[in-house]
Amino acid sequence: MAIGRERIIDEALLLLNEVGIDKLSTRKLAERLGVQQPALYWHFRNKSQLLDAINSEMLLRYHDDRVPKPGQDWVSFTLSNARSVRKALLSMRDGARLTAGTRPSVTDFADTEKVLQLYVDAGFSTKEAFGIAICVTRYVVGYVLEEQGEQERDRIDQNGTKVDFDAELAPLPLLTEALETFRQVGTVNTEDVFESGLGYLVSGLQDALRRKQST
């Protein structure tokens, strides 16, 4: 029975959410679709190609701010793009691991060209623009890797046990004070921390551009 590429990707996304990237296999996907594994190989030669396609579809569905809007400045775009990438990665189980291990598509290359043009128009060199694009993306992917890693630990902790570090933190006043901000949510992986890091990154880029333009 012939099966379309779109349906394969749709079911693969659902399967990824159910079992996670480590347990996602072409065998399980074929069983879910009611076909033999060779039917998948017509569209994807191996699991790596399948994951590339799943990642591209995830970003197409959930990453809204892929390219600059007309008239948008580079600072505004950098912020909205980073937030949009994070939202997309968090939309799927193991979304960050999926992105970290896959290759970009032709559409991704075309979008990157537009992003680079925005930074070059702002005064950065082509090399600097490419470095910025990579830096922002890897900051977001790394951050979400930590967030989703914690989610996975919680998922496999059947008892929901939380480690109490109060005794260990007692002789460390600065760390105790810093962590107190996050007591209500019980984790340092919060929106505030993400936004702070993103703000530091953008501020550094602004300073670098000012220095570059003043010389």
C-alpha atoms as a PDB file:
ATOM      1  CA  MET A   1       0.000   0.000   0.000  1.00  0.00           C
ATOM      2  CA  ALA A   2       1.405   3.378  -1.055  1.00  0.00           C
ATOM      3  CA  ILE A   3       1.658   5.939   1.704  1.00  0.00           C
ATOM      4  CA  GLY A   4       2.283   9.654   1.355  1.00  0.00           C
ATOM      5  CA  ARG A   5       5.281  11.527   2.724  1.00  0.00           C
ATOM      6  CA  GLU A   6       3.045  14.010   4.579  1.00  0.00           C
ATOM      7  CA  ARG A   7       1.204  11.304   6.479  1.00  0.00           C
ATOM      8  CA  ILE A   8       4.471   9.649   7.459  1.00  0.00           C
ATOM      9  CA  ILE A   9       5.757  12.911   8.910  1.00  0.00           C
ATOM     10  CA  ASP A  10       2.479  13.632  10.696  1.00  0.00           C
ATOM     11  CA  GLU A  11       2.489  10.233  12.386  1.00  0.00           C
ATOM     12  CA  ALA A  12       6.196  10.504  13.159  1.00  0.00           C
ATOM     13  CA  LEU A  13       5.574  13.754  15.027  1.00  0.00           C
ATOM     14  CA  LEU A  14       2.829  12.096  17.061  1.00  0.00           C
ATOM     15  CA  LEU A  15       5.057   9.107  17.780  1.00  0.00           C
ATOM     16  CA  LEU A  16       7.912  11.387  18.847  1.00  0.00           C
ATOM     17  CA  ASN A  17       5.640  13.032  21.410  1.00  0.00           C
ATOM     18  CA  GLU A  18       4.571   9.643  22.723  1.00  0.00           C
ATOM     19  CA  VAL A  19       7.877   7.779  23.018  1.00  0.00           C
ATOM     20  CA  GLY A  20      10.671  10.366  22.712  1.00  0.00           C
ATOM     21  CA  ILE A  21      13.522  10.503  20.231  1.00  0.00           C
ATOM     22  CA  ASP A  22      15.467   7.544  21.668  1.00  0.00           C
ATOM     23  CA  LYS A  23      12.586   5.133  21.172  1.00  0.00           C
ATOM     24  CA  LEU A  24      11.364   6.519  17.859  1.00  0.00           C
ATOM     25  CA  SER A  25      12.203   3.968  15.180  1.00  0.00           C
ATOM     26  CA  THR A  26      11.166   3.255  11.602  1.00  0.00           C
ATOM     27  CA  ARG A  27       9.868  -0.112  12.802  1.00  0.00           C
ATOM     28  CA  LYS A  28       7.512   1.476  15.327  1.00  0.00           C
ATOM     29  CA  LEU A  29       6.460   4.088  12.804  1.00  0.00           C
ATOM     30  CA  ALA A  30       5.689   1.448  10.167  1.00  0.00           C
ATOM     31  CA  GLU A  31       3.623  -0.508  12.699  1.00  0.00           C
ATOM     32  CA  ARG A  32       1.710   2.640  13.594  1.00  0.00           C
ATOM     33  CA  LEU A  33       0.989   3.306   9.923  1.00  0.00           C
ATOM     34  CA  GLY A  34       0.058  -0.321   9.232  1.00  0.00           C
ATOM     35  CA  VAL A  35       2.724  -0.782   6.576  1.00  0.00           C
ATOM     36  CA  GLN A  36       6.006  -2.641   6.150  1.00  0.00           C
ATOM     37  CA  GLN A  37       9.255  -0.754   6.794  1.00  0.00           C
ATOM     38  CA  PRO A  38      10.263  -0.738   3.104  1.00  0.00           C
ATOM     39  CA  ALA A  39       7.243   1.497   2.420  1.00  0.00           C
ATOM     40  CA  LEU A  40       8.962   4.222   4.448  1.00  0.00           C
ATOM     41  CA  TYR A  41      12.236   3.846   2.552  1.00  0.00           C
ATOM     42  CA  TRP A  42      10.525   5.049  -0.618  1.00  0.00           C
ATOM     43  CA  HIS A  43      10.526   8.512   0.996  1.00  0.00           C
ATOM     44  CA  PHE A  44      13.338   8.250   3.580  1.00  0.00           C
ATOM     45  CA  ARG A  45      16.426   6.074   3.120  1.00  0.00           C
ATOM     46  CA  ASN A  46      17.133   5.916   6.849  1.00  0.00           C
ATOM     47  CA  LYS A  47      16.136   7.272  10.255  1.00  0.00           C
ATOM     48  CA  SER A  48      18.427  10.276   9.876  1.00  0.00           C
ATOM     49  CA  GLN A  49      16.547  11.478   6.806  1.00  0.00           C
ATOM     50  CA  LEU A  50      13.261  10.938   8.607  1.00  0.00           C
ATOM     51  CA  LEU A  51      14.445  13.022  11.573  1.00  0.00           C
ATOM     52  CA  ASP A  52      15.583  15.784   9.206  1.00  0.00           C
ATOM     53  CA  ALA A  53      12.089  15.885   7.744  1.00  0.00           C
ATOM     54  CA  ILE A  54      10.405  15.814  11.162  1.00  0.00           C
ATOM     55  CA  ASN A  55      12.577  18.694  12.340  1.00  0.00           C
ATOM     56  CA  SER A  56      11.795  20.780   9.272  1.00  0.00           C
ATOM     57  CA  GLU A  57       8.078  20.170   9.736  1.00  0.00           C
ATOM     58  CA  MET A  58       8.246  21.043  13.438  1.00  0.00           C
ATOM     59  CA  LEU A  59       9.906  24.363  12.634  1.00  0.00           C
ATOM     60  CA  LEU A  60       7.479  25.105   9.800  1.00  0.00           C
ATOM     61  CA  ARG A  61       4.533  24.516  12.123  1.00  0.00           C
ATOM     62  CA  TYR A  62       5.715  26.229  15.279  1.00  0.00           C
ATOM     63  CA  HIS A  63       8.594  28.608  14.465  1.00  0.00           C
ATOM     64  CA  ASP A  64       6.700  31.754  13.435  1.00  0.00           C
ATOM     65  CA  ASP A  65       9.475  34.380  13.353  1.00  0.00           C
ATOM     66  CA  ARG A  66      11.881  32.669  10.968  1.00  0.00           C
ATOM     67  CA  VAL A  67      12.683  35.733   8.862  1.00  0.00           C
ATOM     68  CA  PRO A  68      12.600  39.500   9.463  1.00  0.00           C
ATOM     69  CA  LYS A  69       9.337  41.300   8.868  1.00  0.00           C
ATOM     70  CA  PRO A  70       9.349  44.324   6.517  1.00  0.00           C
ATOM     71  CA  GLY A  71      10.966  47.243   8.341  1.00  0.00           C
ATOM     72  CA  GLN A  72      11.928  45.178  11.392  1.00  0.00           C
ATOM     73  CA  ASP A  73      15.258  46.153  12.982  1.00  0.00           C
ATOM     74  CA  TRP A  74      17.902  43.573  13.844  1.00  0.00           C
ATOM     75  CA  VAL A  75      17.490  43.829  17.626  1.00  0.00           C
ATOM     76  CA  SER A  76      13.741  43.275  17.508  1.00  0.00           C
ATOM     77  CA  PHE A  77      14.186  40.369  15.101  1.00  0.00           C
ATOM     78  CA  THR A  78      16.913  38.718  17.182  1.00  0.00           C
ATOM     79  CA  LEU A  79      14.669  38.762  20.239  1.00  0.00           C
ATOM     80  CA  SER A  80      11.530  37.565  18.454  1.00  0.00           C
ATOM     81  CA  ASN A  81      13.436  34.918  16.498  1.00  0.00           C
ATOM     82  CA  ALA A  82      15.058  33.451  19.614  1.00  0.00           C
ATOM     83  CA  ARG A  83      11.733  33.350  21.459  1.00  0.00           C
ATOM     84  CA  SER A  84      10.080  31.745  18.460  1.00  0.00           C
ATOM     85  CA  VAL A  85      12.752  29.033  18.182  1.00  0.00           C
ATOM     86  CA  ARG A  86      12.347  28.235  21.867  1.00  0.00           C
ATOM     87  CA  LYS A  87       8.570  28.019  21.528  1.00  0.00           C
ATOM     88  CA  ALA A  88       8.946  25.659  18.576  1.00  0.00           C
ATOM     89  CA  LEU A  89      11.405  23.370  20.352  1.00  0.00           C
ATOM     90  CA  LEU A  90       9.245  23.235  23.465  1.00  0.00           C
ATOM     91  CA  SER A  91       6.217  22.343  21.348  1.00  0.00           C
ATOM     92  CA  MET A  92       7.561  18.819  20.830  1.00  0.00           C
ATOM     93  CA  ARG A  93       9.016  16.256  23.173  1.00  0.00           C
ATOM     94  CA  ASP A  94      12.804  16.239  22.670  1.00  0.00           C
ATOM     95  CA  GLY A  95      12.453  19.146  20.248  1.00  0.00           C
ATOM     96  CA  ALA A  96      15.884  20.533  21.111  1.00  0.00           C
ATOM     97  CA  ARG A  97      17.605  17.162  20.671  1.00  0.00           C
ATOM     98  CA  LEU A  98      15.824  16.748  17.352  1.00  0.00           C
ATOM     99  CA  THR A  99      17.080  20.090  16.059  1.00  0.00           C
ATOM    100  CA  ALA A 100      20.586  19.624  17.427  1.00  0.00           C
ATOM    101  CA  GLY A 101      21.085  16.402  15.502  1.00  0.00           C
ATOM    102  CA  THR A 102      19.535  17.211  12.125  1.00  0.00           C
ATOM    103  CA  ARG A 103      20.552  18.947   8.900  1.00  0.00           C
ATOM    104  CA  PRO A 104      18.859  22.113   7.603  1.00  0.00           C
ATOM    105  CA  SER A 105      16.589  22.015   4.567  1.00  0.00           C
ATOM    106  CA  VAL A 106      16.712  24.111   1.403  1.00  0.00           C
ATOM    107  CA  THR A 107      14.004  26.311   2.951  1.00  0.00           C
ATOM    108  CA  ASP A 108      16.206  26.822   6.020  1.00  0.00           C
ATOM    109  CA  PHE A 109      19.070  27.993   3.797  1.00  0.00           C
ATOM    110  CA  ALA A 110      16.824  30.517   2.034  1.00  0.00           C
ATOM    111  CA  ASP A 111      15.579  31.863   5.371  1.00  0.00           C
ATOM    112  CA  THR A 112      19.137  32.148   6.684  1.00  0.00           C
ATOM    113  CA  GLU A 113      20.075  34.257   3.669  1.00  0.00           C
ATOM    114  CA  LYS A 114      17.386  36.780   4.622  1.00  0.00           C
ATOM    115  CA  VAL A 115      18.555  36.828   8.234  1.00  0.00           C
ATOM    116  CA  LEU A 116      22.153  37.409   7.196  1.00  0.00           C
ATOM    117  CA  GLN A 117      21.066  40.288   4.968  1.00  0.00           C
ATOM    118  CA  LEU A 118      19.371  41.967   7.939  1.00  0.00           C
ATOM    119  CA  TYR A 119      22.560  41.841  10.020  1.00  0.00           C
ATOM    120  CA  VAL A 120      24.772  42.953   7.122  1.00  0.00           C
ATOM    121  CA  ASP A 121      22.459  45.904   6.449  1.00  0.00           C
ATOM    122  CA  ALA A 122      22.792  46.832  10.138  1.00  0.00           C
ATOM    123  CA  GLY A 123      26.564  47.096   9.802  1.00  0.00           C
ATOM    124  CA  PHE A 124      27.898  43.641  10.645  1.00  0.00           C
ATOM    125  CA  SER A 125      30.224  41.835   8.247  1.00  0.00           C
ATOM    126  CA  THR A 126      29.025  38.666   6.541  1.00  0.00           C
ATOM    127  CA  LYS A 127      31.230  36.610   8.861  1.00  0.00           C
ATOM    128  CA  GLU A 128      29.872  38.423  11.925  1.00  0.00           C
ATOM    129  CA  ALA A 129      26.289  38.019  10.699  1.00  0.00           C
ATOM    130  CA  PHE A 130      26.743  34.277  10.285  1.00  0.00           C
ATOM    131  CA  GLY A 131      28.321  34.035  13.723  1.00  0.00           C
ATOM    132  CA  ILE A 132      25.382  35.891  15.269  1.00  0.00           C
ATOM    133  CA  ALA A 133      22.838  33.610  13.607  1.00  0.00           C
ATOM    134  CA  ILE A 134      24.646  30.501  14.855  1.00  0.00           C
ATOM    135  CA  CYS A 135      25.226  31.938  18.337  1.00  0.00           C
ATOM    136  CA  VAL A 136      21.576  32.855  18.883  1.00  0.00           C
ATOM    137  CA  THR A 137      20.313  29.501  17.663  1.00  0.00           C
ATOM    138  CA  ARG A 138      22.777  27.528  19.765  1.00  0.00           C
ATOM    139  CA  TYR A 139      21.984  29.578  22.852  1.00  0.00           C
ATOM    140  CA  VAL A 140      18.303  28.705  22.446  1.00  0.00           C
ATOM    141  CA  VAL A 141      18.903  25.039  21.606  1.00  0.00           C
ATOM    142  CA  GLY A 142      21.260  24.622  24.555  1.00  0.00           C
ATOM    143  CA  TYR A 143      18.829  26.305  26.903  1.00  0.00           C
ATOM    144  CA  VAL A 144      15.919  24.145  25.795  1.00  0.00           C
ATOM    145  CA  LEU A 145      18.068  21.019  26.019  1.00  0.00           C
ATOM    146  CA  GLU A 146      18.383  21.747  29.733  1.00  0.00           C
ATOM    147  CA  GLU A 147      14.673  22.507  30.087  1.00  0.00           C
ATOM    148  CA  GLN A 148      13.592  19.349  28.310  1.00  0.00           C
ATOM    149  CA  GLY A 149      16.228  17.279  30.081  1.00  0.00           C
ATOM    150  CA  GLU A 150      14.652  18.296  33.368  1.00  0.00           C
ATOM    151  CA  GLN A 151      11.198  17.487  32.010  1.00  0.00           C
ATOM    152  CA  GLU A 152      12.421  14.034  31.010  1.00  0.00           C
ATOM    153  CA  ARG A 153      13.884  13.422  34.460  1.00  0.00           C
ATOM    154  CA  ASP A 154      10.544  14.374  35.979  1.00  0.00           C
ATOM    155  CA  ARG A 155       8.764  12.076  33.526  1.00  0.00           C
ATOM    156  CA  ILE A 156      10.788   9.007  34.527  1.00  0.00           C
ATOM    157  CA  ASP A 157      10.626   9.822  38.239  1.00  0.00           C
ATOM    158  CA  GLN A 158       7.552   7.780  39.065  1.00  0.00           C
ATOM    159  CA  ASN A 159       7.363   9.043  42.632  1.00  0.00           C
ATOM    160  CA  GLY A 160       7.776  12.687  41.731  1.00  0.00           C
ATOM    161  CA  THR A 161      10.513  12.944  44.350  1.00  0.00           C
ATOM    162  CA  LYS A 162      12.288  16.288  44.548  1.00  0.00           C
ATOM    163  CA  VAL A 163      15.770  16.538  45.997  1.00  0.00           C
ATOM    164  CA  ASP A 164      15.987  18.995  48.886  1.00  0.00           C
ATOM    165  CA  PHE A 165      19.277  20.887  48.766  1.00  0.00           C
ATOM    166  CA  ASP A 166      18.597  23.150  51.754  1.00  0.00           C
ATOM    167  CA  ALA A 167      21.218  21.516  53.952  1.00  0.00           C
ATOM    168  CA  GLU A 168      23.855  21.648  51.234  1.00  0.00           C
ATOM    169  CA  LEU A 169      23.052  25.285  50.447  1.00  0.00           C
ATOM    170  CA  ALA A 170      23.161  26.468  54.071  1.00  0.00           C
ATOM    171  CA  PRO A 171      26.859  27.515  53.979  1.00  0.00           C
ATOM    172  CA  LEU A 172      26.447  29.151  50.533  1.00  0.00           C
ATOM    173  CA  PRO A 173      24.578  32.445  51.112  1.00  0.00           C
ATOM    174  CA  LEU A 174      24.934  33.909  47.633  1.00  0.00           C
ATOM    175  CA  LEU A 175      23.686  30.772  45.905  1.00  0.00           C
ATOM    176  CA  THR A 176      20.856  30.471  48.435  1.00  0.00           C
ATOM    177  CA  GLU A 177      19.796  34.057  47.772  1.00  0.00           C
ATOM    178  CA  ALA A 178      20.023  33.608  44.004  1.00  0.00           C
ATOM    179  CA  LEU A 179      17.952  30.425  44.020  1.00  0.00           C
ATOM    180  CA  GLU A 180      15.313  31.905  46.312  1.00  0.00           C
ATOM    181  CA  THR A 181      13.916  33.769  43.296  1.00  0.00           C
ATOM    182  CA  PHE A 182      12.990  30.450  41.735  1.00  0.00           C
ATOM    183  CA  ARG A 183      11.514  28.712  44.788  1.00  0.00           C
ATOM    184  CA  GLN A 184       7.926  29.029  43.561  1.00  0.00           C
ATOM    185  CA  VAL A 185       8.548  27.105  40.381  1.00  0.00           C
ATOM    186  CA  GLY A 186      11.188  24.805  41.813  1.00  0.00           C
ATOM    187  CA  THR A 187      13.604  25.136  38.921  1.00  0.00           C
ATOM    188  CA  VAL A 188      16.069  27.615  37.501  1.00  0.00           C
ATOM    189  CA  ASN A 189      14.876  26.910  33.963  1.00  0.00           C
ATOM    190  CA  THR A 190      12.409  29.766  33.797  1.00  0.00           C
ATOM    191  CA  GLU A 191      11.283  32.408  31.361  1.00  0.00           C
ATOM    192  CA  ASP A 192      13.139  35.068  33.359  1.00  0.00           C
ATOM    193  CA  VAL A 193      16.474  33.292  33.114  1.00  0.00           C
ATOM    194  CA  PHE A 194      16.040  32.727  29.376  1.00  0.00           C
ATOM    195  CA  GLU A 195      15.158  36.379  28.823  1.00  0.00           C
ATOM    196  CA  SER A 196      18.093  37.551  30.941  1.00  0.00           C
ATOM    197  CA  GLY A 197      20.557  35.493  28.937  1.00  0.00           C
ATOM    198  CA  LEU A 198      19.041  36.652  25.670  1.00  0.00           C
ATOM    199  CA  GLY A 199      19.258  40.245  26.855  1.00  0.00           C
ATOM    200  CA  TYR A 200      22.952  39.865  27.738  1.00  0.00           C
ATOM    201  CA  LEU A 201      23.613  38.411  24.294  1.00  0.00           C
ATOM    202  CA  VAL A 202      21.854  41.225  22.429  1.00  0.00           C
ATOM    203  CA  SER A 203      23.464  43.919  24.601  1.00  0.00           C
ATOM    204  CA  GLY A 204      26.877  42.500  23.789  1.00  0.00           C
ATOM    205  CA  LEU A 205      26.080  42.571  20.083  1.00  0.00           C
ATOM    206  CA  GLN A 206      24.898  46.178  20.321  1.00  0.00           C
ATOM    207  CA  ASP A 207      28.122  47.177  22.081  1.00  0.00           C
ATOM    208  CA  ALA A 208      30.215  45.376  19.471  1.00  0.00           C
ATOM    209  CA  LEU A 209      28.382  47.141  16.654  1.00  0.00           C
ATOM    210  CA  ARG A 210      28.805  50.555  18.288  1.00  0.00           C
ATOM    211  CA  ARG A 211      32.529  49.966  18.665  1.00  0.00           C
ATOM    212  CA  LYS A 212      32.763  48.820  15.073  1.00  0.00           C
ATOM    213  CA  GLN A 213      30.941  51.909  13.785  1.00  0.00           C
ATOM    214  CA  SER A 214      33.005  54.307  15.900  1.00  0.00           C
ATOM    215  CA  THR A 215      36.338  53.209  14.459  1.00  0.00           C
END
